[in-house]
Amino acid sequence: MDSLDELYYTMLKNAADNKKEIAPEDADPHMVDCLAKSDNTLIFRTKPCLCPPDDRPCIDACAWDAVKADGENGVTIDQTQCVGCQACVDVCALDALKTKKDIIPVVRELHEYDGPVYALVAPAISGQFGPAVTLGKVRTALKKLGFTGVLEVAAFADILTLKEALEFDRNIHDENDFQLTSCCCPMWIAMIKKLYHQLLPNVPGSVSPMIAGGRTVKALHPQAKTVFIGPCMAKKSEKNEPDLAGAIDYVLTYQELSDLLTVTDIDMASLPEDSLPHASKTGICYAYAGGVAAAVKTTLEKLNPQRAVTIRTRRADGVPACKAMINDILAGKRDGNFFEGMGCIGGCVGGPRAIIGKDEGKEHVQAYGDSSHYETPMDNPYVIEMLKRLGFTTIEEFLTKSDLYDRNLDG
């Protein structure tokens, strides 16, 4: 019988070739389901857990209480608690735990679905497929694979930047007020919801750029399927949250896209450009730690340069640093009034399914941001036009009627 990796590439190749039967006859049905079935599973077990009951590193590694002792199977994953950080996978010496892949169901949709399928690419994509692969070449490749269109999630980061800057301007009036960003990172929000619930009143109920993108596409194209592509496993969990479900149909990682390009023999570097810039510099820079805070600060200062209470940002990346920052807030040692947290060290460029290192990734994102024609969301005609198509005629109206980009954090 093939190994799991061999089975995966065989099935992916067969799916890409649009074969009716994609799995070998002797394949393990459980493994076939794990690779081909579209469900809410984030982590699955490939073999029994043989670790002694008092020494199971995967349980200790999980900050979300999702990995639980199970007498029969060793451990079990509570999918309702799992945020997809894959810490349990990283410490499993037996290689018994694997992260879910969704690329095969997406390939089937590209062949079989008779409506539009849109790819939404996260801003950390710059440089992930080599220095010669621009976003224009990525767009060409994705259309070649069958996607109807390709959107930059950074454009929706622009929209959320505008929303959070407006909310800061409305809510922060004196030195005792402060705001925690609700954009971008599902691990940061999961941490606040599960461990620091008392801070939720300081978190504006905004969706992430991924969800904003999915909701926008479906508002304009109700029959569309939406596929987010990024470096983050936690996004696979985020799309399933009850108040967010339906915006994004599938989440792929850069690694999954790379696998599909491999089995289809597509060389992105050799493809022509399909360039359609969507995002401002501030939206693009969401991809690295500090980018959200800098974006909101720059936008707020442009919106209201005469504010009596200026914005003072503080950020943390990596779960331990995020917890330390939150504990400082609770202890009254704030030293800021706008706080950004990202679960991965370096931010999204340091995500577990990034292909290149976080420092190199940040350099590529910064270079792409510097090439943008627009500094902030308010300078971005693509964003302004999109908001008009959605029925927002003024910036003030966007703040008071932004249900499309709101979420219920208490849910």
Protein backbone atom coordinates (compact mmCIF):
# COMPACT_ATOMS: atom_id res chain seq x y z
CA MET A 1 0.00 0.00 0.00
CA ASP A 2 1.23 3.51 -0.77
CA SER A 3 2.36 5.84 2.00
CA LEU A 4 0.02 8.70 2.88
CA ASP A 5 2.10 11.19 0.88
CA GLU A 6 2.21 8.89 -2.14
CA LEU A 7 -1.55 8.36 -1.92
CA TYR A 8 -2.09 12.11 -1.68
CA TYR A 9 -0.08 12.92 -4.82
CA THR A 10 -1.68 10.05 -6.75
CA MET A 11 -5.17 11.24 -5.85
CA LEU A 12 -4.33 14.88 -6.54
CA LYS A 13 -2.90 14.03 -9.96
CA ASN A 14 -5.96 11.94 -10.83
CA ALA A 15 -8.28 14.72 -9.66
CA ALA A 16 -6.35 17.30 -11.72
CA ASP A 17 -6.70 14.99 -14.75
CA ASN A 18 -10.46 14.85 -14.03
CA LYS A 19 -10.52 11.08 -13.60
CA LYS A 20 -13.75 9.65 -12.20
CA GLU A 21 -11.98 7.33 -9.75
CA ILE A 22 -9.07 9.11 -8.10
CA ALA A 23 -7.99 6.60 -5.43
CA PRO A 24 -6.25 3.25 -6.01
CA GLU A 25 -8.45 0.21 -5.31
CA ASP A 26 -6.27 -0.96 -2.39
CA ALA A 27 -6.15 2.42 -0.65
CA ASP A 28 -7.17 2.71 3.00
CA PRO A 29 -10.76 4.13 2.93
CA HIS A 30 -10.07 6.23 6.04
CA MET A 31 -7.06 7.88 4.42
CA VAL A 32 -9.00 8.42 1.18
CA ASP A 33 -11.74 10.18 3.14
CA CYS A 34 -9.21 12.34 4.98
CA LEU A 35 -7.70 13.49 1.69
CA ALA A 36 -10.80 13.79 -0.51
CA LYS A 37 -13.70 14.60 1.78
CA SER A 38 -14.72 18.19 2.36
CA ASP A 39 -15.59 18.58 6.05
CA ASN A 40 -14.65 20.60 9.12
CA THR A 41 -11.80 18.34 10.24
CA LEU A 42 -8.55 20.24 10.88
CA ILE A 43 -6.27 17.57 12.33
CA PHE A 44 -6.63 13.83 11.76
CA ARG A 45 -4.85 10.77 13.09
CA THR A 46 -3.14 8.40 10.66
CA LYS A 47 -2.18 5.69 13.17
CA PRO A 48 -2.77 4.79 16.81
CA CYS A 49 -1.09 6.88 19.50
CA LEU A 50 1.61 4.80 21.25
CA CYS A 51 2.83 7.45 23.70
CA PRO A 52 2.52 6.55 27.40
CA PRO A 53 -0.51 8.12 29.14
CA ASP A 54 1.68 10.38 31.27
CA ASP A 55 3.82 11.61 28.37
CA ARG A 56 1.76 12.91 25.47
CA PRO A 57 3.46 16.06 24.12
CA CYS A 58 0.57 16.86 21.80
CA ILE A 59 -1.72 17.48 24.78
CA ASP A 60 0.80 19.79 26.44
CA ALA A 61 1.46 21.64 23.16
CA CYS A 62 -2.19 22.58 22.62
CA ALA A 63 -3.04 25.98 24.08
CA TRP A 64 -6.72 25.56 23.22
CA ASP A 65 -7.60 22.35 25.11
CA ALA A 66 -8.45 20.65 21.82
CA VAL A 67 -6.22 17.56 22.23
CA LYS A 68 -7.69 15.27 24.85
CA ALA A 69 -6.70 11.92 26.34
CA ASP A 70 -8.69 9.02 24.94
CA GLY A 71 -8.26 5.61 26.54
CA GLU A 72 -9.00 3.68 23.37
CA ASN A 73 -7.14 5.80 20.83
CA GLY A 74 -4.54 7.53 22.98
CA VAL A 75 -5.69 11.04 22.07
CA THR A 76 -8.60 12.57 20.25
CA ILE A 77 -8.95 16.00 18.63
CA ASP A 78 -11.95 18.11 19.62
CA GLN A 79 -12.56 19.84 16.29
CA THR A 80 -14.84 22.42 17.94
CA GLN A 81 -11.95 23.65 20.10
CA CYS A 82 -9.14 23.27 17.55
CA VAL A 83 -7.93 26.49 15.90
CA GLY A 84 -5.65 24.71 13.43
CA CYS A 85 -2.35 26.00 14.80
CA GLN A 86 -0.85 22.50 14.24
CA ALA A 87 1.29 22.66 17.40
CA CYS A 88 0.20 19.06 18.14
CA VAL A 89 1.35 17.94 14.69
CA ASP A 90 4.73 19.59 15.13
CA VAL A 91 5.49 17.74 18.39
CA CYS A 92 4.16 14.31 17.36
CA ALA A 93 7.31 12.18 17.17
CA LEU A 94 5.35 9.25 15.74
CA ASP A 95 4.04 11.32 12.81
CA ALA A 96 0.57 10.10 13.78
CA LEU A 97 -1.17 13.47 13.45
CA LYS A 98 -1.63 15.28 10.14
CA THR A 99 -3.21 18.54 9.05
CA LYS A 100 -6.23 18.39 6.76
CA LYS A 101 -5.75 19.20 3.09
CA ASP A 102 -8.57 20.65 1.00
CA ILE A 103 -6.94 20.85 -2.41
CA ILE A 104 -8.56 17.72 -3.87
CA PRO A 105 -12.15 18.90 -3.16
CA VAL A 106 -11.23 22.28 -4.68
CA VAL A 107 -9.88 20.64 -7.84
CA ARG A 108 -13.14 18.71 -8.15
CA GLU A 109 -15.11 21.96 -7.83
CA LEU A 110 -13.01 23.53 -10.59
CA HIS A 111 -13.96 20.64 -12.87
CA GLU A 112 -17.56 20.10 -11.86
CA TYR A 113 -19.12 23.31 -10.52
CA ASP A 114 -21.09 25.20 -13.16
CA GLY A 115 -20.87 28.58 -11.42
CA PRO A 116 -17.95 30.97 -10.84
CA VAL A 117 -15.11 29.98 -8.50
CA TYR A 118 -13.01 32.85 -7.16
CA ALA A 119 -9.55 32.62 -5.59
CA LEU A 120 -8.75 35.07 -2.81
CA VAL A 121 -5.01 35.26 -2.21
CA ALA A 122 -3.53 36.46 1.07
CA PRO A 123 -0.94 39.28 0.90
CA ALA A 124 1.87 37.08 2.22
CA ILE A 125 1.96 35.43 -1.21
CA SER A 126 4.66 37.81 -2.47
CA GLY A 127 7.83 35.79 -3.14
CA GLN A 128 6.38 32.47 -1.97
CA PHE A 129 6.82 30.84 -5.38
CA GLY A 130 10.16 32.42 -6.22
CA PRO A 131 11.42 35.98 -6.76
CA ALA A 132 10.44 35.89 -10.44
CA VAL A 133 6.81 34.97 -9.70
CA THR A 134 4.80 38.17 -9.44
CA LEU A 135 1.19 38.37 -8.36
CA GLY A 136 0.33 38.86 -12.04
CA LYS A 137 1.87 35.46 -12.82
CA VAL A 138 0.04 33.88 -9.87
CA ARG A 139 -3.22 35.27 -11.28
CA THR A 140 -2.44 33.76 -14.69
CA ALA A 141 -1.68 30.37 -13.13
CA LEU A 142 -4.86 30.30 -11.07
CA LYS A 143 -6.99 31.13 -14.10
CA LYS A 144 -5.16 28.42 -16.02
CA LEU A 145 -6.18 25.99 -13.26
CA GLY A 146 -9.81 26.97 -13.77
CA PHE A 147 -10.55 29.83 -11.36
CA THR A 148 -12.96 32.42 -12.73
CA GLY A 149 -11.14 35.32 -11.12
CA VAL A 150 -8.45 36.17 -8.58
CA LEU A 151 -8.75 38.83 -5.87
CA GLU A 152 -6.17 40.23 -3.49
CA VAL A 153 -7.28 39.83 0.12
CA ALA A 154 -5.13 42.91 0.83
CA ALA A 155 -7.89 44.97 -0.82
CA PHE A 156 -10.27 43.75 1.87
CA ALA A 157 -7.62 44.49 4.47
CA ASP A 158 -7.93 48.04 3.13
CA ILE A 159 -11.65 47.98 3.88
CA LEU A 160 -11.09 46.63 7.40
CA THR A 161 -8.34 49.21 8.00
CA LEU A 162 -10.81 51.94 7.18
CA LYS A 163 -13.43 50.36 9.43
CA GLU A 164 -11.10 49.98 12.42
CA ALA A 165 -9.70 53.50 12.01
CA LEU A 166 -13.24 54.89 11.99
CA GLU A 167 -14.14 52.84 15.06
CA PHE A 168 -11.05 54.05 16.91
CA ASP A 169 -11.95 57.63 16.03
CA ARG A 170 -15.48 57.08 17.34
CA ASN A 171 -14.65 55.15 20.53
CA ILE A 172 -11.31 56.37 21.88
CA HIS A 173 -11.81 59.69 23.64
CA ASP A 174 -9.40 59.81 26.60
CA GLU A 175 -6.27 58.15 27.97
CA ASN A 176 -8.30 55.37 29.64
CA ASP A 177 -9.81 54.10 26.38
CA PHE A 178 -8.12 51.45 24.24
CA GLN A 179 -8.90 49.11 21.35
CA LEU A 180 -7.68 45.65 20.39
CA THR A 181 -7.68 44.91 16.70
CA SER A 182 -10.13 42.24 15.57
CA CYS A 183 -8.68 41.90 12.08
CA CYS A 184 -6.48 39.32 10.49
CA CYS A 185 -5.47 36.61 12.94
CA PRO A 186 -7.92 33.89 14.07
CA MET A 187 -5.52 32.65 16.77
CA TRP A 188 -5.41 36.13 18.34
CA ILE A 189 -9.21 36.33 18.42
CA ALA A 190 -9.53 32.74 19.69
CA MET A 191 -7.14 33.61 22.52
CA ILE A 192 -9.21 36.62 23.56
CA LYS A 193 -12.54 34.76 23.28
CA LYS A 194 -11.39 31.67 25.18
CA LEU A 195 -8.86 33.01 27.68
CA TYR A 196 -9.47 36.75 28.08
CA HIS A 197 -13.20 37.15 27.55
CA GLN A 198 -13.30 40.28 29.73
CA LEU A 199 -11.49 42.21 26.98
CA LEU A 200 -14.12 41.57 24.29
CA PRO A 201 -15.79 44.98 24.86
CA ASN A 202 -12.51 46.52 23.66
CA VAL A 203 -12.54 44.48 20.43
CA PRO A 204 -14.61 45.97 17.59
CA GLY A 205 -16.71 43.29 15.96
CA SER A 206 -15.08 43.28 12.55
CA VAL A 207 -14.55 40.22 10.39
CA SER A 208 -11.11 39.36 9.05
CA PRO A 209 -10.02 40.39 5.54
CA MET A 210 -10.56 36.78 4.40
CA ILE A 211 -14.19 36.78 5.54
CA ALA A 212 -14.72 40.32 4.22
CA GLY A 213 -13.49 39.14 0.83
CA GLY A 214 -15.74 36.11 0.79
CA ARG A 215 -18.80 38.08 1.86
CA THR A 216 -18.13 40.75 -0.75
CA VAL A 217 -17.77 38.24 -3.57
CA LYS A 218 -21.01 36.50 -2.56
CA ALA A 219 -22.86 39.81 -2.22
CA LEU A 220 -21.89 40.69 -5.79
CA HIS A 221 -21.98 37.12 -7.20
CA PRO A 222 -24.42 35.03 -5.09
CA GLN A 223 -23.72 31.77 -6.92
CA ALA A 224 -19.94 32.00 -6.55
CA LYS A 225 -17.68 29.60 -4.68
CA THR A 226 -14.83 31.22 -2.76
CA VAL A 227 -11.38 29.73 -2.12
CA PHE A 228 -8.93 31.49 0.21
CA ILE A 229 -5.22 30.76 -0.36
CA GLY A 230 -2.72 31.66 2.35
CA PRO A 231 0.03 30.46 4.73
CA CYS A 232 -2.29 29.81 7.67
CA MET A 233 -3.84 26.59 8.99
CA ALA A 234 -6.00 28.52 11.48
CA LYS A 235 -7.96 30.02 8.59
CA LYS A 236 -9.39 26.54 7.97
CA SER A 237 -10.93 26.79 11.45
CA GLU A 238 -12.01 30.41 11.10
CA LYS A 239 -14.18 29.77 8.05
CA ASN A 240 -16.27 27.29 10.07
CA GLU A 241 -17.10 29.60 13.00
CA PRO A 242 -20.91 29.88 13.32
CA ASP A 243 -21.13 33.63 12.74
CA LEU A 244 -18.71 33.47 9.79
CA ALA A 245 -19.72 30.24 8.03
CA GLY A 246 -20.67 30.57 4.37
CA ALA A 247 -18.35 33.40 3.41
CA ILE A 248 -15.48 31.10 2.39
CA ASP A 249 -16.08 27.65 0.95
CA TYR A 250 -12.51 26.33 1.04
CA VAL A 251 -9.18 27.31 2.54
CA LEU A 252 -5.97 26.24 0.81
CA THR A 253 -2.41 26.81 1.92
CA TYR A 254 0.42 27.98 -0.31
CA GLN A 255 1.84 24.48 0.05
CA GLU A 256 -1.36 22.90 -1.26
CA LEU A 257 -1.31 25.25 -4.25
CA SER A 258 2.33 24.35 -4.84
CA ASP A 259 1.38 20.65 -4.84
CA LEU A 260 -1.28 21.27 -7.49
CA LEU A 261 1.13 23.23 -9.64
CA THR A 262 3.59 20.33 -9.38
CA VAL A 263 1.16 17.65 -10.58
CA THR A 264 -0.11 19.88 -13.40
CA ASP A 265 3.41 20.85 -14.53
CA ILE A 266 2.63 24.58 -14.42
CA ASP A 267 5.76 26.70 -14.23
CA MET A 268 4.54 30.04 -12.89
CA ALA A 269 7.78 31.87 -13.61
CA SER A 270 7.31 31.29 -17.36
CA LEU A 271 3.70 32.53 -17.47
CA PRO A 272 2.61 35.93 -18.81
CA GLU A 273 1.51 38.71 -16.48
CA ASP A 274 -2.16 39.24 -15.66
CA SER A 275 -1.68 42.33 -13.55
CA LEU A 276 -4.63 44.04 -11.87
CA PRO A 277 -3.49 45.79 -8.68
CA HIS A 278 -6.20 45.94 -6.03
CA ALA A 279 -4.59 46.99 -2.75
CA SER A 280 -2.88 49.91 -1.07
CA LYS A 281 0.48 49.70 0.65
CA THR A 282 -1.21 49.59 4.06
CA GLY A 283 -3.42 46.64 3.08
CA ILE A 284 -0.53 44.66 1.63
CA CYS A 285 1.48 45.13 4.83
CA TYR A 286 -1.08 43.19 6.89
CA ALA A 287 1.09 40.21 6.00
CA TYR A 288 3.74 40.89 8.62
CA ALA A 289 3.76 41.69 12.34
CA GLY A 290 3.06 45.35 13.00
CA GLY A 291 1.43 45.87 9.62
CA VAL A 292 -2.16 46.07 10.91
CA ALA A 293 -1.28 48.60 13.62
CA ALA A 294 0.73 50.71 11.15
CA ALA A 295 -2.11 50.61 8.62
CA VAL A 296 -4.73 51.77 11.12
CA LYS A 297 -2.40 54.47 12.47
CA THR A 298 -1.61 55.88 9.02
CA THR A 299 -5.25 55.83 7.97
CA LEU A 300 -6.54 57.37 11.21
CA GLU A 301 -4.02 60.20 11.02
CA LYS A 302 -5.20 60.92 7.50
CA LEU A 303 -8.89 60.74 8.51
CA ASN A 304 -8.56 62.98 11.55
CA PRO A 305 -5.15 64.65 11.88
CA GLN A 306 -6.42 66.96 14.65
CA ARG A 307 -7.39 64.25 17.14
CA ALA A 308 -6.80 65.26 20.77
CA VAL A 309 -5.98 61.64 21.72
CA THR A 310 -3.43 60.30 19.26
CA ILE A 311 -3.14 56.63 18.40
CA ARG A 312 -0.30 54.81 20.16
CA THR A 313 0.19 51.29 18.84
CA ARG A 314 1.66 48.21 20.43
CA ARG A 315 1.97 44.78 18.86
CA ALA A 316 2.98 41.23 19.71
CA ASP A 317 3.61 38.17 17.55
CA GLY A 318 3.70 34.55 18.67
CA VAL A 319 1.28 33.13 21.26
CA PRO A 320 3.56 33.67 24.31
CA ALA A 321 4.20 37.31 23.40
CA CYS A 322 0.49 37.89 22.75
CA LYS A 323 -0.36 36.47 26.17
CA ALA A 324 2.30 38.65 27.80
CA MET A 325 0.91 41.76 26.10
CA ILE A 326 -2.64 40.95 27.17
CA ASN A 327 -1.50 40.32 30.75
CA ASP A 328 0.16 43.75 30.70
CA ILE A 329 -3.13 45.29 29.58
CA LEU A 330 -4.99 43.55 32.40
CA ALA A 331 -2.37 44.74 34.89
CA GLY A 332 -2.80 48.33 33.74
CA LYS A 333 0.61 48.48 32.04
CA ARG A 334 -0.75 49.32 28.62
CA ASP A 335 1.74 51.79 27.14
CA GLY A 336 -0.56 52.15 24.15
CA ASN A 337 -4.20 52.43 23.09
CA PHE A 338 -4.29 50.22 19.96
CA PHE A 339 -3.08 46.65 20.29
CA GLU A 340 -2.31 44.19 17.49
CA GLY A 341 -1.71 40.49 18.08
CA MET A 342 -0.63 37.80 15.62
CA GLY A 343 -0.37 34.15 16.58
CA CYS A 344 2.65 33.38 14.38
CA ILE A 345 6.11 34.84 14.95
CA GLY A 346 6.67 37.40 12.22
CA GLY A 347 2.95 37.55 11.43
CA CYS A 348 1.37 35.81 8.44
CA VAL A 349 4.72 35.59 6.62
CA GLY A 350 5.72 33.26 9.48
CA GLY A 351 2.65 31.05 9.04
CA PRO A 352 3.06 27.27 9.27
CA ARG A 353 2.38 26.76 5.57
CA ALA A 354 4.51 29.58 4.22
CA ILE A 355 7.00 28.23 1.68
CA ILE A 356 9.82 30.70 2.36
CA GLY A 357 11.20 32.03 5.67
CA LYS A 358 9.49 34.88 7.48
CA ASP A 359 12.32 37.40 6.98
CA GLU A 360 12.51 36.76 3.25
CA GLY A 361 8.73 36.81 3.07
CA LYS A 362 8.56 40.17 4.80
CA GLU A 363 11.11 41.65 2.38
CA HIS A 364 9.03 40.54 -0.62
CA VAL A 365 5.80 41.88 0.90
CA GLN A 366 7.43 45.23 1.70
CA ALA A 367 8.77 45.48 -1.86
CA TYR A 368 5.33 44.74 -3.28
CA GLY A 369 3.75 47.26 -0.89
CA ASP A 370 6.25 49.91 -1.95
CA SER A 371 5.23 49.32 -5.57
CA SER A 372 1.55 50.05 -4.88
CA HIS A 373 0.17 53.26 -6.37
CA TYR A 374 -1.91 53.86 -3.23
CA GLU A 375 -0.73 54.65 0.29
CA THR A 376 -3.98 54.12 2.23
CA PRO A 377 -7.53 52.79 1.61
CA MET A 378 -8.78 56.32 0.98
CA ASP A 379 -6.33 56.65 -1.93
CA ASN A 380 -7.42 53.33 -3.46
CA PRO A 381 -10.01 53.79 -6.25
CA TYR A 382 -10.63 50.04 -6.46
CA VAL A 383 -11.78 49.98 -2.81
CA ILE A 384 -13.85 53.15 -3.14
CA GLU A 385 -15.58 51.78 -6.25
CA MET A 386 -16.23 48.42 -4.56
CA LEU A 387 -17.81 50.12 -1.54
CA LYS A 388 -20.02 52.15 -3.89
CA ARG A 389 -21.16 48.96 -5.62
CA LEU A 390 -22.11 47.62 -2.19
CA GLY A 391 -24.21 50.70 -1.48
CA PHE A 392 -21.85 52.84 0.63
CA THR A 393 -21.82 56.40 -0.67
CA THR A 394 -19.79 58.07 2.11
CA ILE A 395 -17.15 57.03 4.64
CA GLU A 396 -19.49 57.87 7.51
CA GLU A 397 -22.19 55.64 6.01
CA PHE A 398 -19.69 52.80 5.85
CA LEU A 399 -19.26 52.95 9.64
CA THR A 400 -22.97 53.07 10.46
CA LYS A 401 -24.18 50.47 7.93
CA SER A 402 -21.30 48.00 7.83
CA ASP A 403 -23.28 44.84 8.70
CA LEU A 404 -21.56 43.01 5.84
CA TYR A 405 -18.24 43.33 7.68
CA ASP A 406 -19.48 42.89 11.26
CA ARG A 407 -19.35 39.76 13.39
CA ASN A 408 -20.69 38.56 16.73
CA LEU A 409 -17.68 37.88 18.93
CA ASP A 410 -19.87 36.72 21.82
CA GLY A 411 -21.43 34.00 19.69
